[in-house]
Protein backbone atom coordinates (compact mmCIF):
# COMPACT_ATOMS: atom_id res chain seq x y z
CA MET A 1 88.50 103.18 152.74
CA ALA A 2 85.56 100.51 152.50
CA LEU A 3 85.28 98.42 155.68
CA ALA A 4 86.69 94.62 155.52
CA GLY A 5 85.66 91.89 157.88
CA ALA A 6 82.34 91.79 160.30
CA GLY A 7 80.44 91.04 156.88
CA PHE A 8 82.20 93.05 154.55
CA LEU A 9 83.87 91.22 151.17
CA HIS A 10 85.91 94.16 149.90
CA ALA A 11 88.93 96.37 151.34
CA GLU A 12 89.45 97.83 148.18
CA THR A 13 89.53 101.50 147.91
CA ALA A 14 87.81 100.98 144.51
CA LEU A 15 84.41 100.67 146.77
CA PRO A 16 82.99 103.64 148.08
CA PRO A 17 83.67 104.13 152.06
CA VAL A 18 81.31 103.22 154.63
CA ARG A 19 80.68 103.80 158.37
CA ALA A 20 78.50 103.11 161.05
CA ILE A 21 76.53 106.53 162.02
CA THR A 22 74.62 104.73 164.93
CA LYS A 23 76.04 102.72 167.68
CA GLY A 24 75.11 100.32 170.40
CA PRO A 25 74.29 99.24 173.29
CA LYS A 26 70.78 99.62 171.75
CA PHE A 27 69.99 98.91 168.35
CA HIS A 28 69.06 101.36 165.32
CA TRP A 29 67.24 101.22 162.02
CA PHE A 30 65.18 103.01 159.83
CA GLY A 31 63.20 100.29 157.68
CA TYR A 32 61.52 100.84 154.15
CA TYR A 33 63.52 102.02 151.15
CA ASP A 34 60.64 104.30 149.75
CA LYS A 35 60.38 106.83 152.45
CA LEU A 36 62.19 110.09 152.94
CA GLN A 37 65.10 109.39 155.57
CA PHE A 38 67.14 112.36 154.76
CA ASP A 39 66.02 116.08 155.12
CA PRO A 40 66.22 118.25 151.85
CA THR A 41 69.85 119.50 152.53
CA SER A 42 70.97 115.49 152.85
CA ARG A 43 72.79 116.35 156.14
CA TYR A 44 70.16 114.91 158.56
CA CYS A 45 68.81 111.39 158.42
CA LEU A 46 66.02 109.76 160.78
CA GLY A 47 66.39 106.66 162.68
CA MET A 48 64.52 104.25 165.20
CA GLU A 49 66.10 102.81 168.56
CA VAL A 50 65.26 99.96 170.28
CA GLY A 51 66.51 97.80 173.34
CA PHE A 52 65.82 94.22 171.84
CA GLU A 53 65.69 92.10 168.90
CA HIS A 54 64.37 88.63 167.64
CA ARG A 55 61.04 88.64 168.50
CA SER A 56 57.64 90.55 167.68
CA PRO A 57 56.85 93.94 169.01
CA LYS A 58 54.20 93.61 171.88
CA ALA A 59 51.78 96.57 172.60
CA GLU A 60 53.74 97.83 175.31
CA ASP A 61 56.83 98.07 173.45
CA THR A 62 58.13 101.65 172.81
CA ILE A 63 60.90 102.75 170.59
CA ARG A 64 62.62 105.98 170.45
CA LEU A 65 63.06 108.03 167.31
CA GLY A 66 65.98 110.55 166.57
CA VAL A 67 67.90 112.38 164.09
CA VAL A 68 71.45 111.76 162.78
CA ASP A 69 73.65 114.64 162.11
CA THR A 70 75.94 113.07 159.16
CA GLU A 71 78.01 116.35 159.24
CA GLY A 72 78.27 116.64 162.81
CA GLY A 73 79.92 113.54 164.26
CA ASP A 74 76.75 111.53 163.40
CA SER A 75 75.49 112.77 166.77
CA TRP A 76 72.06 111.37 167.93
CA ARG A 77 69.11 113.71 168.90
CA GLU A 78 66.09 111.81 170.31
CA ILE A 79 62.79 113.78 168.95
CA GLY A 80 60.29 111.18 170.18
CA SER A 81 58.52 107.92 170.65
CA THR A 82 55.92 105.54 169.48
CA ARG A 83 54.15 102.37 170.42
CA ALA A 84 53.01 101.64 166.79
CA TRP A 85 55.78 99.98 164.97
CA ASN A 86 57.08 97.18 163.35
CA TRP A 87 60.56 95.45 162.13
CA GLN A 88 60.06 96.19 158.38
CA GLN A 89 58.80 99.68 158.34
CA GLY A 90 59.04 101.15 161.79
CA CYS A 91 56.59 103.71 162.36
CA MET A 92 56.55 105.07 158.84
CA LEU A 93 58.62 107.91 159.98
CA GLN A 94 59.71 110.51 157.49
CA TRP A 95 60.16 113.72 156.73
CA LEU A 96 57.35 115.89 155.29
CA PRO A 97 58.05 116.34 151.45
CA GLY A 98 60.18 119.72 151.24
CA SER A 99 60.32 120.43 154.86
CA LYS A 100 63.63 121.16 156.58
CA ASP A 101 62.08 121.06 160.03
CA GLN A 102 58.96 118.61 160.23
CA VAL A 103 58.90 115.02 160.36
CA ILE A 104 55.61 112.55 160.66
CA TRP A 105 55.41 109.23 162.28
CA ASN A 106 52.64 106.77 163.40
CA ASP A 107 51.77 106.08 166.84
CA ARG A 108 49.05 104.38 169.26
CA ARG A 109 47.37 106.92 171.72
CA GLU A 110 44.04 106.43 173.67
CA GLY A 111 43.55 102.91 171.99
CA ARG A 112 43.79 103.90 168.41
CA PHE A 113 46.44 104.53 165.78
CA VAL A 114 47.11 107.93 165.15
CA SER A 115 50.05 109.96 163.15
CA VAL A 116 52.22 112.81 164.73
CA VAL A 117 53.66 115.75 162.86
CA HIS A 118 56.51 117.06 164.94
CA HIS A 119 58.06 120.43 164.53
CA LEU A 120 61.91 119.80 165.25
CA PRO A 121 62.89 123.21 166.46
CA SER A 122 60.03 123.49 169.08
CA GLY A 123 59.11 119.97 169.77
CA GLN A 124 55.68 120.81 169.18
CA GLU A 125 53.33 118.11 167.79
CA ARG A 126 49.99 117.81 166.03
CA VAL A 127 48.29 114.60 166.13
CA LEU A 128 46.32 113.48 163.47
CA ALA A 129 43.16 110.95 163.77
CA SER A 130 44.63 108.53 161.56
CA PRO A 131 48.02 106.66 160.88
CA ILE A 132 49.66 107.27 157.48
CA TYR A 133 51.34 105.02 155.01
CA ALA A 134 52.77 107.07 152.08
CA LEU A 135 52.80 110.99 151.86
CA ALA A 136 51.77 112.89 148.52
CA GLN A 137 54.91 114.72 146.75
CA HIS A 138 53.70 118.27 148.04
CA GLY A 139 52.99 117.08 151.72
CA GLN A 140 49.26 118.11 151.89
CA TRP A 141 47.75 114.49 152.16
CA ALA A 142 48.53 111.01 152.43
CA ILE A 143 47.10 107.41 151.96
CA SER A 144 46.66 104.75 154.74
CA THR A 145 45.71 101.20 155.19
CA ASP A 146 44.45 99.23 158.01
CA PHE A 147 47.53 98.40 160.25
CA ARG A 148 45.35 96.28 162.40
CA ARG A 149 44.27 94.03 159.68
CA LEU A 150 48.14 93.68 158.41
CA ASN A 151 49.20 92.86 162.01
CA ASN A 152 46.87 89.52 161.39
CA THR A 153 47.30 88.88 157.72
CA ARG A 154 50.86 89.97 157.16
CA PRO A 155 52.98 89.93 160.49
CA GLY A 156 55.94 92.49 160.46
CA TYR A 157 53.72 95.01 158.71
CA GLY A 158 50.91 95.93 161.08
CA TYR A 159 51.22 97.15 164.42
CA ALA A 160 50.29 95.39 167.80
CA GLY A 161 48.11 96.72 170.58
CA VAL A 162 44.68 97.50 168.66
CA ALA A 163 42.19 94.57 167.82
CA ASP A 164 41.19 94.10 164.23
CA PRO A 165 37.22 94.16 164.14
CA ASN A 166 37.15 92.11 160.83
CA VAL A 167 39.61 89.54 161.83
CA ASP A 168 36.78 87.10 160.82
CA PHE A 169 35.88 88.66 157.30
CA ALA A 170 37.47 87.84 154.19
CA ALA A 171 37.14 91.16 152.37
CA PRO A 172 35.37 93.89 154.72
CA LYS A 173 33.92 96.83 153.22
CA ASP A 174 34.79 99.28 156.07
CA ALA A 175 38.62 98.47 155.72
CA GLY A 176 41.06 99.49 152.78
CA ILE A 177 42.90 102.55 151.47
CA TRP A 178 42.16 105.85 153.08
CA HIS A 179 43.03 109.40 151.88
CA VAL A 180 44.14 111.54 154.86
CA ASP A 181 44.16 115.37 154.87
CA LEU A 182 47.32 116.23 156.52
CA LYS A 183 46.14 119.42 158.04
CA THR A 184 42.72 118.27 159.43
CA GLY A 185 43.87 114.54 160.05
CA GLN A 186 40.67 113.51 158.71
CA PRO A 187 40.20 110.07 156.60
CA LYS A 188 38.31 109.32 154.04
CA LEU A 189 37.83 105.69 152.54
CA LEU A 190 38.60 105.59 148.99
CA PHE A 191 38.69 101.76 148.35
CA SER A 192 37.82 99.03 150.52
CA VAL A 193 39.09 95.41 150.55
CA ALA A 194 35.55 94.39 149.38
CA ASP A 195 35.87 96.68 146.30
CA ALA A 196 38.94 94.72 144.85
CA LEU A 197 37.13 91.71 144.62
CA ASP A 198 34.84 93.89 142.08
CA VAL A 199 37.54 94.34 139.82
CA PRO A 200 38.02 91.61 137.29
CA GLN A 201 41.11 89.52 137.23
CA PRO A 202 42.02 90.44 133.52
CA LYS A 203 44.14 87.30 133.08
CA GLY A 204 42.10 84.69 134.42
CA ASP A 205 42.41 83.09 138.01
CA TRP A 206 46.10 81.42 137.29
CA GLY A 207 45.11 78.64 139.92
CA TYR A 208 44.77 80.33 142.56
CA SER A 209 42.34 79.86 145.81
CA PRO A 210 38.68 81.17 144.70
CA TRP A 211 38.67 84.76 146.43
CA SER A 212 35.36 83.21 148.43
CA GLU A 213 37.83 81.27 150.54
CA SER A 214 40.59 83.65 151.00
CA ARG A 215 41.33 86.19 153.02
CA HIS A 216 42.28 89.58 151.48
CA TRP A 217 44.31 92.65 152.42
CA PHE A 218 46.56 95.72 151.06
CA ASN A 219 49.98 96.57 151.51
CA HIS A 220 52.78 98.76 150.00
CA LEU A 221 51.07 101.97 149.04
CA LEU A 222 52.98 104.67 147.15
CA VAL A 223 51.96 107.91 145.61
CA SER A 224 53.19 108.75 142.30
CA PRO A 225 55.80 111.59 141.63
CA ASP A 226 52.88 113.99 140.24
CA ASP A 227 50.49 112.93 142.89
CA GLN A 228 47.74 112.02 140.33
CA ARG A 229 47.77 108.23 141.04
CA PHE A 230 49.01 105.96 143.64
CA ILE A 231 49.94 102.11 143.68
CA PHE A 232 49.38 99.28 145.95
CA LEU A 233 49.37 95.79 146.49
CA HIS A 234 46.18 93.39 146.63
CA ARG A 235 47.18 90.33 148.31
CA TRP A 236 45.24 87.22 149.63
CA ARG A 237 45.76 83.83 151.11
CA GLY A 238 43.29 80.66 150.66
CA PRO A 239 43.72 77.02 150.77
CA LYS A 240 46.16 76.82 147.77
CA GLU A 241 48.34 79.69 149.01
CA LYS A 242 48.42 78.21 152.40
CA GLN A 243 51.21 80.18 154.58
CA GLY A 244 52.18 82.18 151.36
CA PHE A 245 49.93 84.72 149.46
CA ALA A 246 49.00 85.73 145.77
CA THR A 247 49.16 89.42 144.74
CA ARG A 248 47.67 91.76 142.27
CA LEU A 249 49.41 95.14 141.82
CA PHE A 250 47.10 97.97 141.20
CA THR A 251 47.29 101.77 140.22
CA MET A 252 44.56 104.04 140.95
CA ASN A 253 43.96 107.81 140.75
CA ALA A 254 44.48 109.77 143.91
CA ASP A 255 40.53 110.21 144.64
CA GLY A 256 39.92 106.34 144.37
CA THR A 257 38.74 106.05 140.93
CA GLU A 258 39.85 104.25 137.69
CA PRO A 259 41.48 101.25 139.43
CA TYR A 260 43.84 99.44 137.08
CA VAL A 261 45.32 96.20 137.63
CA LEU A 262 48.94 96.80 136.32
CA ASP A 263 50.24 93.05 137.05
CA PRO A 264 47.84 90.39 137.53
CA TYR A 265 50.31 87.29 137.45
CA GLY A 266 50.17 86.89 141.27
CA LYS A 267 53.94 87.51 142.31
CA THR A 268 54.57 91.25 142.17
CA SER A 269 56.97 92.26 144.98
CA HIS A 270 59.21 95.35 145.63
CA PHE A 271 58.43 98.25 143.31
CA ILE A 272 59.19 101.89 142.64
CA TRP A 273 57.84 104.85 140.55
CA ARG A 274 60.34 105.88 137.90
CA ASP A 275 58.24 108.55 136.83
CA ALA A 276 54.53 109.69 136.70
CA GLN A 277 53.97 106.78 134.10
CA HIS A 278 56.12 104.12 134.79
CA ILE A 279 56.88 101.69 137.65
CA ALA A 280 59.76 99.48 138.15
CA ALA A 281 59.03 96.13 139.96
CA PHE A 282 60.14 92.87 140.83
CA ALA A 283 57.43 90.28 139.48
CA TRP A 284 56.81 87.51 137.39
CA HIS A 285 55.75 88.13 133.38
CA PRO A 286 55.33 85.79 130.53
CA SER A 287 57.89 87.79 128.50
CA LEU A 288 60.49 86.25 130.05
CA GLY A 289 58.87 83.37 132.00
CA LYS A 290 60.74 84.33 134.94
CA GLU A 291 60.91 86.56 137.97
CA ARG A 292 62.95 89.42 137.23
CA PHE A 293 62.57 93.29 137.39
CA TYR A 294 60.27 94.79 134.77
CA LEU A 295 59.41 98.24 133.82
CA TYR A 296 55.73 98.72 133.72
CA LYS A 297 53.94 101.62 131.73
CA ASP A 298 50.89 102.54 134.07
CA ARG A 299 47.14 101.74 132.38
CA THR A 300 48.74 99.71 129.32
CA ASP A 301 50.36 96.40 128.79
CA GLU A 302 53.80 97.77 128.14
CA VAL A 303 56.21 95.75 130.32
CA THR A 304 60.06 95.99 129.69
CA PRO A 305 62.71 93.67 131.47
CA ILE A 306 65.33 95.67 133.44
CA GLY A 307 68.71 94.34 133.64
CA PRO A 308 67.51 90.44 133.12
CA ASP A 309 71.05 89.15 133.24
CA VAL A 310 72.47 91.33 136.11
CA MET A 311 69.42 92.36 138.48
CA THR A 312 68.56 88.60 138.75
CA VAL A 313 67.15 88.43 142.31
CA ASN A 314 64.51 90.46 144.42
CA GLY A 315 65.47 93.64 146.38
CA HIS A 316 64.26 96.83 147.41
CA ASN A 317 64.66 99.31 144.36
CA THR A 318 64.76 102.88 144.07
CA TYR A 319 66.36 105.34 141.58
CA LEU A 320 68.96 107.91 142.14
CA PRO A 321 67.95 111.59 141.28
CA GLY A 322 68.04 111.80 137.61
CA GLY A 323 66.93 108.23 136.93
CA GLU A 324 69.99 106.57 135.61
CA TRP A 325 71.17 104.62 138.44
CA ILE A 326 68.78 102.10 140.24
CA LEU A 327 69.83 101.43 143.91
CA ASN A 328 69.21 98.03 145.08
CA ASP A 329 70.01 95.30 147.48
CA THR A 330 69.50 91.52 147.96
CA TYR A 331 68.28 89.19 150.41
CA PRO A 332 71.03 87.09 151.81
CA ASP A 333 72.77 84.63 149.70
CA GLY A 334 73.75 81.12 150.74
CA ALA A 335 76.88 82.76 152.86
CA ARG A 336 74.26 84.96 154.39
CA LEU A 337 75.50 88.10 152.35
CA GLN A 338 73.62 90.97 151.58
CA HIS A 339 74.68 92.73 148.48
CA ALA A 340 73.96 96.67 148.04
CA TYR A 341 74.85 97.77 144.43
CA LEU A 342 73.98 100.30 141.70
CA TYR A 343 72.72 99.33 138.63
CA ASN A 344 72.97 101.90 135.49
CA ALA A 345 69.51 101.47 133.50
CA LYS A 346 71.26 103.37 130.33
CA THR A 347 74.72 101.18 130.41
CA GLY A 348 73.64 97.90 131.85
CA VAL A 349 76.41 98.19 134.13
CA ARG A 350 76.27 96.89 137.63
CA ARG A 351 78.54 98.59 140.24
CA PRO A 352 78.75 96.95 143.88
CA LEU A 353 78.57 99.20 146.91
CA SER A 354 79.42 96.46 149.60
CA ASP A 355 78.44 93.20 151.19
CA PHE A 356 76.75 92.58 154.58
CA ARG A 357 76.64 89.71 156.38
CA SER A 358 73.38 88.85 158.17
CA PRO A 359 73.62 86.46 161.06
CA PRO A 360 71.35 83.20 160.74
CA GLU A 361 69.09 84.76 163.65
CA TYR A 362 68.00 87.56 161.26
CA VAL A 363 64.99 85.74 159.70
CA GLY A 364 61.37 85.76 159.17
CA GLU A 365 59.45 88.68 160.69
CA TRP A 366 62.33 90.17 162.43
CA ARG A 367 64.94 89.89 159.58
CA CYS A 368 67.34 93.15 159.01
CA ASP A 369 66.89 93.91 155.08
CA ASN A 370 69.24 96.60 153.91
CA HIS A 371 66.65 98.60 152.39
CA PRO A 372 69.17 101.20 151.02
CA ARG A 373 67.91 104.91 150.79
CA SER A 374 69.58 107.69 149.09
CA SER A 375 69.90 111.28 149.97
CA PRO A 376 68.20 114.13 147.99
CA ASP A 377 71.56 114.99 146.37
CA GLY A 378 72.42 111.30 145.57
CA ARG A 379 75.80 111.63 147.21
CA LYS A 380 74.87 109.34 150.45
CA VAL A 381 72.89 105.98 151.00
CA CYS A 382 72.13 104.88 154.15
CA ILE A 383 71.38 101.10 154.91
CA ASP A 384 70.42 98.96 157.75
CA SER A 385 72.64 96.12 158.69
CA PRO A 386 73.23 93.58 161.60
CA HIS A 387 76.77 92.34 160.46
CA ALA A 388 78.44 93.92 163.83
CA GLY A 389 76.32 92.37 166.25
CA GLY A 390 73.22 93.94 165.96
CA ARG A 391 71.19 96.08 163.57
CA GLN A 392 72.83 99.38 163.18
CA MET A 393 72.64 102.47 160.30
CA TYR A 394 75.63 102.82 158.06
CA LEU A 395 76.31 105.47 155.55
CA ILE A 396 77.67 104.83 152.21
CA ASP A 397 79.58 107.97 150.73
CA LEU A 398 79.11 108.00 146.76
CA ARG A 399 81.14 110.94 146.42
CA GLY A 400 83.66 110.32 143.64
CA TYR A 401 82.24 106.69 143.11
CA LEU A 402 79.74 107.57 140.14
């Protein structure tokens, strides 16, 4: 039975069952929606544990990492720790694609950010010389960006503890997107922040601050399903943006060639690859003249609205296996409720999963978005929520619901 009270609107058995899979006194969460939280068997899911909330992480703050056995009493087994993390994306903790026994996360060691490949059965680890952001689907390489710069330009997405050497530079030539070999750990700079300014704005400047007066950075990297291209956001802040920012959505070959500005209109937010040619993203587009979810065909001007009368607000969108159902959520509404739901891209039907109350102290950098993540078999969804008195992880059972 779906839970009632404590932030849930529904007590009807028509909704799928929801249960907490972590508990206090400490707090638990996973973070972003586009990472592999579940192992290939869909039994084990990863999470992070912290002893405080409602402030920015400090360099000395350490969080614990663990695995939850969702078919073994939701038991928690600690596997490691890290000092390189944030509230929105944690430490990029995730399973290596296709692996049942190896996970990876970012850490800070000897004054630099690194990544750690951990073998669960033995506890052995390999430390790579670069942090990672997004993994290739075959697990042989990753792409990364500068978490030092993110900590200054977009608090909540970078890491504390290592100073940004380019803090005074608008568009550095030695910061950007790196290819990281997961065997050797060696990074190779593919595309610098300065390189982005050399790519023309295809639709004009749209009233944004001149690039020479702005500070630029990259965020939200994600590799395509066929590993041939990747996607990322080029963002900047200047006098006109003030505390906000403007955005361009880029795609690019895996080797850093053929950059393409897929969305130049300044407001791209969350996105996901539907397949190797299409990206579903929340953005503004002149076809509707409003912010909605749109389906973009890579390297073309083909753009199609997705559920414009149903998926009307921003959320963290992914596809369930098979590509028919979109898994999504919302930010808190006027009643501070976050709505997790499914949308059928073929029929246009929206099916609620549950509603989770976010207390008013969960705002800004340390907000707790639901960030729904599905298991590989499409039968489970895990979300983060603070509705019961502190962020914990909850499992939504989709068996029998679709």
